[in-house]
N, C-alpha and C. Protein backbone atom coordinates (compact mmCIF):
# COMPACT_ATOMS: atom_id res chain seq x y z
N MET A 1 -25.27 1.18 -5.23
CA MET A 1 -24.62 2.49 -5.21
C MET A 1 -24.41 3.01 -3.79
N ALA A 2 -25.06 2.40 -2.82
CA ALA A 2 -24.90 2.85 -1.43
C ALA A 2 -23.73 2.16 -0.74
N MET A 3 -23.19 1.10 -1.35
CA MET A 3 -22.12 0.32 -0.73
C MET A 3 -20.92 1.17 -0.32
N PRO A 4 -20.39 2.05 -1.16
CA PRO A 4 -19.20 2.82 -0.75
C PRO A 4 -19.43 3.66 0.50
N LYS A 5 -20.60 4.24 0.61
CA LYS A 5 -20.88 5.07 1.79
C LYS A 5 -20.88 4.22 3.07
N ARG A 6 -21.43 2.98 2.96
CA ARG A 6 -21.43 2.07 4.11
C ARG A 6 -20.03 1.53 4.39
N LEU A 7 -19.33 1.14 3.34
CA LEU A 7 -18.01 0.51 3.49
C LEU A 7 -16.94 1.51 3.92
N LEU A 8 -16.98 2.69 3.37
CA LEU A 8 -15.91 3.66 3.61
C LEU A 8 -16.25 4.62 4.74
N ASN A 9 -16.76 4.07 5.82
CA ASN A 9 -17.07 4.88 6.99
C ASN A 9 -15.78 5.27 7.70
N HIS A 10 -15.90 6.14 8.66
CA HIS A 10 -14.73 6.67 9.37
C HIS A 10 -13.86 5.57 9.97
N GLU A 11 -14.48 4.59 10.61
CA GLU A 11 -13.72 3.51 11.27
C GLU A 11 -12.94 2.68 10.26
N GLN A 12 -13.59 2.35 9.14
CA GLN A 12 -12.92 1.53 8.13
C GLN A 12 -11.76 2.29 7.48
N VAL A 13 -11.96 3.55 7.18
CA VAL A 13 -10.89 4.35 6.58
C VAL A 13 -9.74 4.49 7.57
N LYS A 14 -10.06 4.58 8.86
CA LYS A 14 -9.01 4.64 9.89
C LYS A 14 -8.20 3.34 9.89
N LYS A 15 -8.88 2.20 9.72
CA LYS A 15 -8.18 0.91 9.63
C LYS A 15 -7.25 0.89 8.41
N PHE A 16 -7.76 1.38 7.28
CA PHE A 16 -6.91 1.44 6.08
C PHE A 16 -5.68 2.30 6.36
N HIS A 17 -5.89 3.42 7.03
CA HIS A 17 -4.78 4.32 7.34
C HIS A 17 -3.77 3.64 8.27
N ASN A 18 -4.27 2.96 9.29
CA ASN A 18 -3.39 2.27 10.24
C ASN A 18 -2.58 1.16 9.56
N GLU A 19 -3.11 0.59 8.49
CA GLU A 19 -2.41 -0.47 7.76
C GLU A 19 -1.64 0.08 6.57
N ASN A 20 -1.57 1.41 6.45
CA ASN A 20 -0.81 2.09 5.39
C ASN A 20 -1.35 1.76 3.99
N ILE A 21 -2.67 1.64 3.87
CA ILE A 21 -3.32 1.32 2.60
C ILE A 21 -3.83 2.61 1.96
N ARG A 22 -3.44 2.80 0.70
CA ARG A 22 -3.93 3.95 -0.07
C ARG A 22 -5.09 3.48 -0.93
N LEU A 23 -6.17 4.24 -0.91
CA LEU A 23 -7.36 3.87 -1.68
C LEU A 23 -7.36 4.58 -3.03
N ASN A 24 -7.94 3.91 -4.00
CA ASN A 24 -8.02 4.43 -5.36
C ASN A 24 -9.37 3.99 -5.94
N TRP A 25 -9.85 4.73 -6.92
CA TRP A 25 -11.13 4.41 -7.56
C TRP A 25 -10.97 4.57 -9.05
N ILE A 26 -11.28 3.50 -9.79
CA ILE A 26 -11.35 3.60 -11.24
C ILE A 26 -12.80 3.37 -11.65
N GLY A 27 -13.24 4.13 -12.60
CA GLY A 27 -14.62 4.04 -13.07
C GLY A 27 -15.16 5.43 -13.34
N ARG A 28 -16.38 5.45 -13.81
CA ARG A 28 -17.02 6.73 -14.13
C ARG A 28 -17.37 7.46 -12.85
N ARG A 29 -16.93 8.67 -12.75
CA ARG A 29 -17.22 9.46 -11.56
C ARG A 29 -18.41 10.37 -11.77
N THR A 30 -18.81 10.53 -13.01
CA THR A 30 -19.88 11.49 -13.31
C THR A 30 -21.27 10.86 -13.28
N LYS A 31 -21.34 9.54 -13.22
CA LYS A 31 -22.65 8.90 -13.32
C LYS A 31 -23.13 8.28 -12.00
N VAL A 32 -22.33 8.40 -10.95
CA VAL A 32 -22.74 7.85 -9.66
C VAL A 32 -23.36 8.96 -8.81
N PRO A 33 -24.22 8.61 -7.86
CA PRO A 33 -24.81 9.62 -6.99
C PRO A 33 -23.72 10.40 -6.24
N ALA A 34 -23.99 11.64 -5.94
CA ALA A 34 -23.02 12.51 -5.27
C ALA A 34 -22.54 11.91 -3.95
N ALA A 35 -23.43 11.31 -3.18
CA ALA A 35 -23.03 10.73 -1.89
C ALA A 35 -22.04 9.59 -2.09
N THR A 36 -22.21 8.82 -3.14
CA THR A 36 -21.30 7.72 -3.45
C THR A 36 -19.94 8.27 -3.85
N ALA A 37 -19.94 9.22 -4.77
CA ALA A 37 -18.68 9.83 -5.22
C ALA A 37 -17.96 10.50 -4.05
N ASN A 38 -18.70 11.20 -3.22
CA ASN A 38 -18.10 11.89 -2.08
C ASN A 38 -17.47 10.91 -1.09
N ALA A 39 -18.11 9.76 -0.87
CA ALA A 39 -17.54 8.76 0.04
C ALA A 39 -16.20 8.27 -0.50
N PHE A 40 -16.15 7.97 -1.80
CA PHE A 40 -14.88 7.55 -2.41
C PHE A 40 -13.84 8.65 -2.31
N LEU A 41 -14.19 9.86 -2.72
CA LEU A 41 -13.22 10.95 -2.77
C LEU A 41 -12.68 11.31 -1.39
N LYS A 42 -13.53 11.26 -0.37
CA LYS A 42 -13.06 11.54 0.99
C LYS A 42 -12.08 10.46 1.45
N ALA A 43 -12.42 9.20 1.22
CA ALA A 43 -11.54 8.10 1.62
C ALA A 43 -10.22 8.15 0.85
N ILE A 44 -10.27 8.48 -0.42
CA ILE A 44 -9.05 8.61 -1.23
C ILE A 44 -8.19 9.74 -0.68
N ASN A 45 -8.80 10.84 -0.40
CA ASN A 45 -8.06 11.99 0.14
C ASN A 45 -7.46 11.67 1.51
N ASP A 46 -8.23 11.00 2.36
CA ASP A 46 -7.75 10.66 3.71
C ASP A 46 -6.60 9.66 3.69
N SER A 47 -6.46 8.90 2.61
CA SER A 47 -5.42 7.87 2.56
C SER A 47 -4.30 8.21 1.56
N LYS A 48 -4.33 9.39 0.99
CA LYS A 48 -3.39 9.72 -0.10
C LYS A 48 -1.92 9.70 0.31
N SER A 49 -1.63 9.89 1.58
CA SER A 49 -0.22 9.89 2.01
C SER A 49 0.28 8.49 2.36
N ASN A 50 -0.60 7.49 2.35
CA ASN A 50 -0.18 6.13 2.66
C ASN A 50 0.67 5.58 1.52
N THR A 51 1.68 4.80 1.87
CA THR A 51 2.65 4.35 0.87
C THR A 51 2.70 2.84 0.71
N GLY A 52 1.83 2.12 1.39
CA GLY A 52 1.84 0.66 1.31
C GLY A 52 0.99 0.17 0.15
N LEU A 53 0.20 -0.83 0.43
CA LEU A 53 -0.69 -1.43 -0.55
C LEU A 53 -1.63 -0.39 -1.14
N VAL A 54 -1.94 -0.50 -2.43
CA VAL A 54 -2.93 0.35 -3.07
C VAL A 54 -4.16 -0.51 -3.32
N LEU A 55 -5.27 -0.15 -2.70
CA LEU A 55 -6.53 -0.86 -2.88
C LEU A 55 -7.37 -0.06 -3.87
N THR A 56 -7.60 -0.65 -5.02
CA THR A 56 -8.34 0.04 -6.07
C THR A 56 -9.74 -0.54 -6.20
N PHE A 57 -10.73 0.31 -6.06
CA PHE A 57 -12.12 -0.07 -6.27
C PHE A 57 -12.47 0.19 -7.72
N ALA A 58 -12.92 -0.84 -8.44
CA ALA A 58 -13.43 -0.66 -9.79
C ALA A 58 -14.95 -0.55 -9.63
N PHE A 59 -15.42 0.69 -9.55
CA PHE A 59 -16.82 0.94 -9.24
C PHE A 59 -17.42 1.77 -10.37
N ASP A 60 -18.54 1.29 -10.92
CA ASP A 60 -19.14 1.84 -12.13
C ASP A 60 -18.08 1.87 -13.22
N TYR A 61 -17.36 0.75 -13.32
CA TYR A 61 -16.24 0.62 -14.24
C TYR A 61 -16.60 -0.32 -15.38
N GLY A 62 -16.20 0.05 -16.57
CA GLY A 62 -16.29 -0.81 -17.74
C GLY A 62 -15.11 -0.49 -18.64
N SER A 63 -14.44 -1.52 -19.08
CA SER A 63 -13.23 -1.31 -19.88
C SER A 63 -13.52 -0.63 -21.21
N LEU A 64 -14.61 -1.01 -21.86
CA LEU A 64 -14.92 -0.38 -23.14
C LEU A 64 -15.20 1.11 -22.97
N GLU A 65 -15.87 1.49 -21.89
CA GLU A 65 -16.12 2.90 -21.61
C GLU A 65 -14.80 3.61 -21.32
N GLU A 66 -13.92 2.95 -20.58
CA GLU A 66 -12.62 3.53 -20.26
C GLU A 66 -11.81 3.79 -21.53
N ILE A 67 -11.79 2.81 -22.43
CA ILE A 67 -11.05 2.96 -23.69
C ILE A 67 -11.67 4.06 -24.53
N THR A 68 -12.98 4.12 -24.60
CA THR A 68 -13.66 5.18 -25.35
C THR A 68 -13.30 6.55 -24.79
N GLN A 69 -13.30 6.68 -23.47
CA GLN A 69 -12.92 7.95 -22.81
C GLN A 69 -11.48 8.31 -23.14
N ALA A 70 -10.58 7.34 -23.12
CA ALA A 70 -9.17 7.59 -23.40
C ALA A 70 -8.98 8.04 -24.84
N VAL A 71 -9.62 7.35 -25.78
CA VAL A 71 -9.49 7.71 -27.20
C VAL A 71 -10.06 9.10 -27.45
N THR A 72 -11.17 9.41 -26.83
CA THR A 72 -11.78 10.74 -26.97
C THR A 72 -10.84 11.82 -26.44
N ALA A 73 -10.25 11.58 -25.27
CA ALA A 73 -9.32 12.57 -24.70
C ALA A 73 -8.10 12.75 -25.60
N ILE A 74 -7.59 11.68 -26.16
CA ILE A 74 -6.43 11.77 -27.06
C ILE A 74 -6.80 12.54 -28.32
N LYS A 75 -7.96 12.22 -28.88
CA LYS A 75 -8.43 12.89 -30.10
C LYS A 75 -8.59 14.39 -29.88
N ASN A 76 -9.02 14.78 -28.69
CA ASN A 76 -9.28 16.19 -28.40
C ASN A 76 -8.06 16.95 -27.90
N ASP A 77 -6.91 16.28 -27.81
CA ASP A 77 -5.69 16.94 -27.35
C ASP A 77 -4.85 17.36 -28.55
N PRO A 78 -4.83 18.66 -28.87
CA PRO A 78 -4.11 19.12 -30.06
C PRO A 78 -2.59 18.92 -29.98
N SER A 79 -2.06 18.67 -28.79
CA SER A 79 -0.62 18.48 -28.66
C SER A 79 -0.17 17.07 -29.04
N ILE A 80 -1.12 16.16 -29.23
CA ILE A 80 -0.78 14.78 -29.58
C ILE A 80 -0.85 14.62 -31.10
N ASN A 81 0.31 14.34 -31.68
CA ASN A 81 0.38 14.15 -33.13
C ASN A 81 0.44 12.68 -33.51
N THR A 82 1.07 11.88 -32.67
CA THR A 82 1.22 10.45 -32.93
C THR A 82 0.72 9.68 -31.72
N ILE A 83 -0.11 8.69 -32.00
CA ILE A 83 -0.64 7.88 -30.91
C ILE A 83 0.29 6.69 -30.70
N THR A 84 0.74 6.54 -29.47
CA THR A 84 1.60 5.42 -29.10
C THR A 84 0.91 4.63 -27.98
N GLU A 85 1.45 3.45 -27.70
CA GLU A 85 0.93 2.67 -26.57
C GLU A 85 1.02 3.46 -25.29
N LYS A 86 2.14 4.15 -25.08
CA LYS A 86 2.34 4.92 -23.86
C LYS A 86 1.28 6.02 -23.72
N ILE A 87 0.97 6.69 -24.80
CA ILE A 87 -0.06 7.73 -24.75
C ILE A 87 -1.42 7.13 -24.39
N ILE A 88 -1.74 5.98 -25.00
CA ILE A 88 -3.02 5.33 -24.69
C ILE A 88 -3.07 4.96 -23.21
N PHE A 89 -2.03 4.29 -22.71
CA PHE A 89 -2.02 3.87 -21.30
C PHE A 89 -2.03 5.05 -20.35
N ASN A 90 -1.44 6.18 -20.75
CA ASN A 90 -1.44 7.38 -19.91
C ASN A 90 -2.80 8.07 -19.86
N HIS A 91 -3.75 7.62 -20.66
CA HIS A 91 -5.09 8.19 -20.64
C HIS A 91 -6.12 7.24 -20.03
N LEU A 92 -5.66 6.10 -19.53
CA LEU A 92 -6.58 5.15 -18.89
C LEU A 92 -6.76 5.51 -17.42
N TYR A 93 -7.82 5.02 -16.83
CA TYR A 93 -8.07 5.26 -15.40
C TYR A 93 -6.92 4.75 -14.54
N THR A 94 -6.24 3.73 -15.02
CA THR A 94 -5.20 3.05 -14.25
C THR A 94 -3.80 3.59 -14.52
N LYS A 95 -3.70 4.77 -15.08
CA LYS A 95 -2.39 5.30 -15.49
C LYS A 95 -1.38 5.37 -14.35
N ASP A 96 -1.83 5.48 -13.13
CA ASP A 96 -0.92 5.57 -11.98
C ASP A 96 -0.71 4.25 -11.26
N LEU A 97 -1.20 3.16 -11.84
CA LEU A 97 -1.09 1.84 -11.21
C LEU A 97 -0.10 0.97 -11.97
N PRO A 98 0.53 0.03 -11.28
CA PRO A 98 1.45 -0.89 -11.98
C PRO A 98 0.67 -1.85 -12.87
N PRO A 99 1.36 -2.51 -13.79
CA PRO A 99 0.67 -3.49 -14.65
C PRO A 99 0.09 -4.62 -13.81
N VAL A 100 -0.94 -5.27 -14.33
CA VAL A 100 -1.55 -6.40 -13.64
C VAL A 100 -0.65 -7.62 -13.83
N ASP A 101 -0.27 -8.25 -12.73
CA ASP A 101 0.52 -9.48 -12.78
C ASP A 101 -0.38 -10.70 -12.66
N LEU A 102 -1.35 -10.62 -11.78
CA LEU A 102 -2.22 -11.77 -11.51
C LEU A 102 -3.66 -11.29 -11.41
N LEU A 103 -4.52 -11.88 -12.22
CA LEU A 103 -5.95 -11.61 -12.15
C LEU A 103 -6.62 -12.86 -11.59
N ILE A 104 -7.27 -12.70 -10.46
CA ILE A 104 -7.97 -13.81 -9.82
C ILE A 104 -9.45 -13.66 -10.12
N ARG A 105 -10.03 -14.68 -10.75
CA ARG A 105 -11.45 -14.65 -11.08
C ARG A 105 -12.16 -15.69 -10.23
N THR A 106 -13.06 -15.24 -9.38
CA THR A 106 -13.79 -16.12 -8.47
C THR A 106 -15.12 -16.56 -9.08
N GLY A 107 -15.78 -17.48 -8.40
CA GLY A 107 -17.13 -17.88 -8.76
C GLY A 107 -17.22 -18.82 -9.95
N GLY A 108 -16.10 -19.37 -10.40
CA GLY A 108 -16.13 -20.33 -11.50
C GLY A 108 -16.20 -19.70 -12.88
N GLU A 109 -16.29 -18.39 -12.95
CA GLU A 109 -16.33 -17.72 -14.26
C GLU A 109 -14.96 -17.76 -14.90
N GLN A 110 -14.92 -17.91 -16.22
CA GLN A 110 -13.65 -17.93 -16.94
C GLN A 110 -13.71 -16.92 -18.09
N ARG A 111 -13.96 -15.70 -17.72
CA ARG A 111 -14.02 -14.61 -18.69
C ARG A 111 -13.61 -13.32 -18.00
N LEU A 112 -13.29 -12.31 -18.80
CA LEU A 112 -12.86 -11.03 -18.24
C LEU A 112 -14.03 -10.11 -17.90
N SER A 113 -15.14 -10.26 -18.56
CA SER A 113 -16.33 -9.46 -18.26
C SER A 113 -16.08 -7.96 -18.37
N ASN A 114 -15.42 -7.52 -19.43
CA ASN A 114 -15.21 -6.09 -19.67
C ASN A 114 -14.37 -5.45 -18.57
N PHE A 115 -13.42 -6.22 -18.03
CA PHE A 115 -12.62 -5.75 -16.91
C PHE A 115 -11.16 -5.63 -17.31
N LEU A 116 -10.63 -4.42 -17.27
CA LEU A 116 -9.21 -4.14 -17.53
C LEU A 116 -8.71 -4.85 -18.79
N LEU A 117 -9.43 -4.69 -19.90
CA LEU A 117 -9.09 -5.42 -21.12
C LEU A 117 -7.68 -5.11 -21.62
N LEU A 118 -7.27 -3.86 -21.60
CA LEU A 118 -5.91 -3.52 -22.04
C LEU A 118 -4.88 -3.83 -20.96
N GLN A 119 -5.22 -3.57 -19.73
CA GLN A 119 -4.27 -3.71 -18.62
C GLN A 119 -3.88 -5.16 -18.33
N ASN A 120 -4.67 -6.11 -18.78
CA ASN A 120 -4.40 -7.53 -18.53
C ASN A 120 -3.57 -8.17 -19.64
N TYR A 121 -2.90 -7.37 -20.44
CA TYR A 121 -2.22 -7.90 -21.62
C TYR A 121 -1.16 -8.95 -21.32
N TYR A 122 -0.49 -8.90 -20.18
CA TYR A 122 0.45 -9.95 -19.81
C TYR A 122 0.13 -10.54 -18.44
N ALA A 123 -1.07 -10.35 -17.97
CA ALA A 123 -1.46 -10.88 -16.66
C ALA A 123 -1.60 -12.40 -16.73
N GLU A 124 -1.31 -13.02 -15.62
CA GLU A 124 -1.60 -14.44 -15.46
C GLU A 124 -3.01 -14.52 -14.86
N PHE A 125 -3.81 -15.47 -15.33
CA PHE A 125 -5.17 -15.63 -14.84
C PHE A 125 -5.23 -16.83 -13.90
N TYR A 126 -5.99 -16.64 -12.83
CA TYR A 126 -6.22 -17.72 -11.88
C TYR A 126 -7.73 -17.83 -11.69
N PHE A 127 -8.27 -19.00 -12.00
CA PHE A 127 -9.71 -19.21 -11.88
C PHE A 127 -9.99 -20.13 -10.71
N THR A 128 -10.99 -19.76 -9.92
CA THR A 128 -11.39 -20.59 -8.79
C THR A 128 -12.92 -20.64 -8.74
N LYS A 129 -13.43 -21.76 -8.28
CA LYS A 129 -14.89 -21.88 -8.15
C LYS A 129 -15.40 -21.22 -6.88
N LYS A 130 -14.48 -20.87 -5.98
CA LYS A 130 -14.90 -20.19 -4.75
C LYS A 130 -15.50 -18.83 -5.09
N TYR A 131 -16.56 -18.50 -4.41
CA TYR A 131 -17.15 -17.18 -4.58
C TYR A 131 -16.39 -16.17 -3.75
N TRP A 132 -16.47 -14.91 -4.13
CA TRP A 132 -15.70 -13.86 -3.47
C TRP A 132 -15.82 -13.87 -1.95
N PRO A 133 -17.01 -13.98 -1.38
CA PRO A 133 -17.06 -13.94 0.09
C PRO A 133 -16.28 -15.07 0.75
N ASP A 134 -16.12 -16.19 0.05
CA ASP A 134 -15.41 -17.34 0.62
C ASP A 134 -13.93 -17.35 0.26
N PHE A 135 -13.50 -16.42 -0.56
CA PHE A 135 -12.10 -16.36 -0.99
C PHE A 135 -11.30 -15.69 0.13
N ASP A 136 -10.70 -16.52 0.97
CA ASP A 136 -10.02 -16.02 2.16
C ASP A 136 -8.51 -16.01 1.97
N GLY A 137 -7.79 -15.78 3.05
CA GLY A 137 -6.33 -15.72 3.00
C GLY A 137 -5.71 -17.01 2.50
N ASN A 138 -6.27 -18.15 2.88
CA ASN A 138 -5.75 -19.43 2.40
C ASN A 138 -5.92 -19.57 0.89
N ALA A 139 -7.07 -19.14 0.38
CA ALA A 139 -7.32 -19.20 -1.06
C ALA A 139 -6.35 -18.28 -1.80
N LEU A 140 -6.07 -17.13 -1.20
CA LEU A 140 -5.12 -16.20 -1.81
C LEU A 140 -3.72 -16.81 -1.86
N ILE A 141 -3.33 -17.47 -0.79
CA ILE A 141 -2.01 -18.13 -0.77
C ILE A 141 -1.94 -19.20 -1.85
N GLU A 142 -3.02 -19.97 -2.04
CA GLU A 142 -3.06 -20.98 -3.10
C GLU A 142 -2.86 -20.32 -4.47
N ALA A 143 -3.52 -19.20 -4.69
CA ALA A 143 -3.40 -18.49 -5.97
C ALA A 143 -1.97 -17.98 -6.18
N ILE A 144 -1.37 -17.47 -5.13
CA ILE A 144 -0.01 -16.94 -5.23
C ILE A 144 0.99 -18.08 -5.47
N ILE A 145 0.82 -19.21 -4.82
CA ILE A 145 1.69 -20.36 -5.06
C ILE A 145 1.56 -20.81 -6.52
N ASP A 146 0.34 -20.89 -7.01
CA ASP A 146 0.12 -21.25 -8.41
C ASP A 146 0.84 -20.26 -9.33
N TYR A 147 0.68 -18.98 -9.05
CA TYR A 147 1.32 -17.92 -9.84
C TYR A 147 2.85 -18.05 -9.81
N ASN A 148 3.41 -18.30 -8.63
CA ASN A 148 4.86 -18.41 -8.49
C ASN A 148 5.44 -19.62 -9.22
N ASN A 149 4.62 -20.60 -9.52
CA ASN A 149 5.08 -21.79 -10.24
C ASN A 149 4.95 -21.67 -11.76
N ARG A 150 4.55 -20.52 -12.23
CA ARG A 150 4.39 -20.31 -13.67
C ARG A 150 5.67 -19.78 -14.29
N ASP A 151 5.82 -20.06 -15.56
CA ASP A 151 6.95 -19.56 -16.34
C ASP A 151 6.44 -18.36 -17.14
N ARG A 152 6.65 -17.17 -16.62
CA ARG A 152 6.16 -15.96 -17.28
C ARG A 152 7.10 -15.58 -18.41
N ARG A 153 6.55 -15.47 -19.62
CA ARG A 153 7.36 -15.15 -20.79
C ARG A 153 7.00 -13.80 -21.40
N PHE A 154 5.94 -13.16 -20.92
CA PHE A 154 5.52 -11.85 -21.40
C PHE A 154 5.44 -11.80 -22.93
N GLY A 155 4.85 -12.82 -23.50
CA GLY A 155 4.64 -12.85 -24.94
C GLY A 155 5.75 -13.50 -25.72
N GLY A 156 6.87 -13.78 -25.05
CA GLY A 156 7.99 -14.41 -25.74
C GLY A 156 7.77 -15.90 -25.87
N ILE A 157 8.47 -16.49 -26.82
CA ILE A 157 8.38 -17.92 -27.04
C ILE A 157 9.59 -18.58 -26.40
N LYS A 158 9.33 -19.62 -25.67
CA LYS A 158 10.41 -20.38 -25.05
C LYS A 158 10.75 -21.55 -25.96
N LEU A 159 11.96 -21.56 -26.43
CA LEU A 159 12.39 -22.62 -27.33
C LEU A 159 12.91 -23.80 -26.52
N ASN A 160 12.62 -25.01 -27.01
CA ASN A 160 13.16 -26.22 -26.37
C ASN A 160 14.66 -26.27 -26.62
N GLU A 161 15.40 -26.57 -25.59
CA GLU A 161 16.86 -26.63 -25.74
C GLU A 161 17.34 -28.03 -25.94
């Protein structure tokens, strides 16, 4: 729980700003220590005008908790008469983020681990045995090349011609 305070220090946030990176946080905000939440919120506020890459920290995040929170909010909103996919997605932590195109799973694991269960509905998965600290720019390029060579059908069936 102390990692955000160490990671999101003034110098690092300045680097994010210089690189036009906007920070975001998905996860429970009510169950983390105040110093942790404050570190995230300050960094998010300091980078809110950046328009480049969006770096999202999934901290104290669990997809089942997120879905439960979304369903509860929908249930308690008297203005919602019909539940649609759009309404559900608009109540998720990721409502302001684009859909997931590529999910990279490091460390040899081949499971989602309660991570973005709804948001990964058309994501391509890339599994590598490299652990996160060793997953460098070259490994990312390998994953992107692999992704670019895929035939994305978004649930559609490709018929043989």
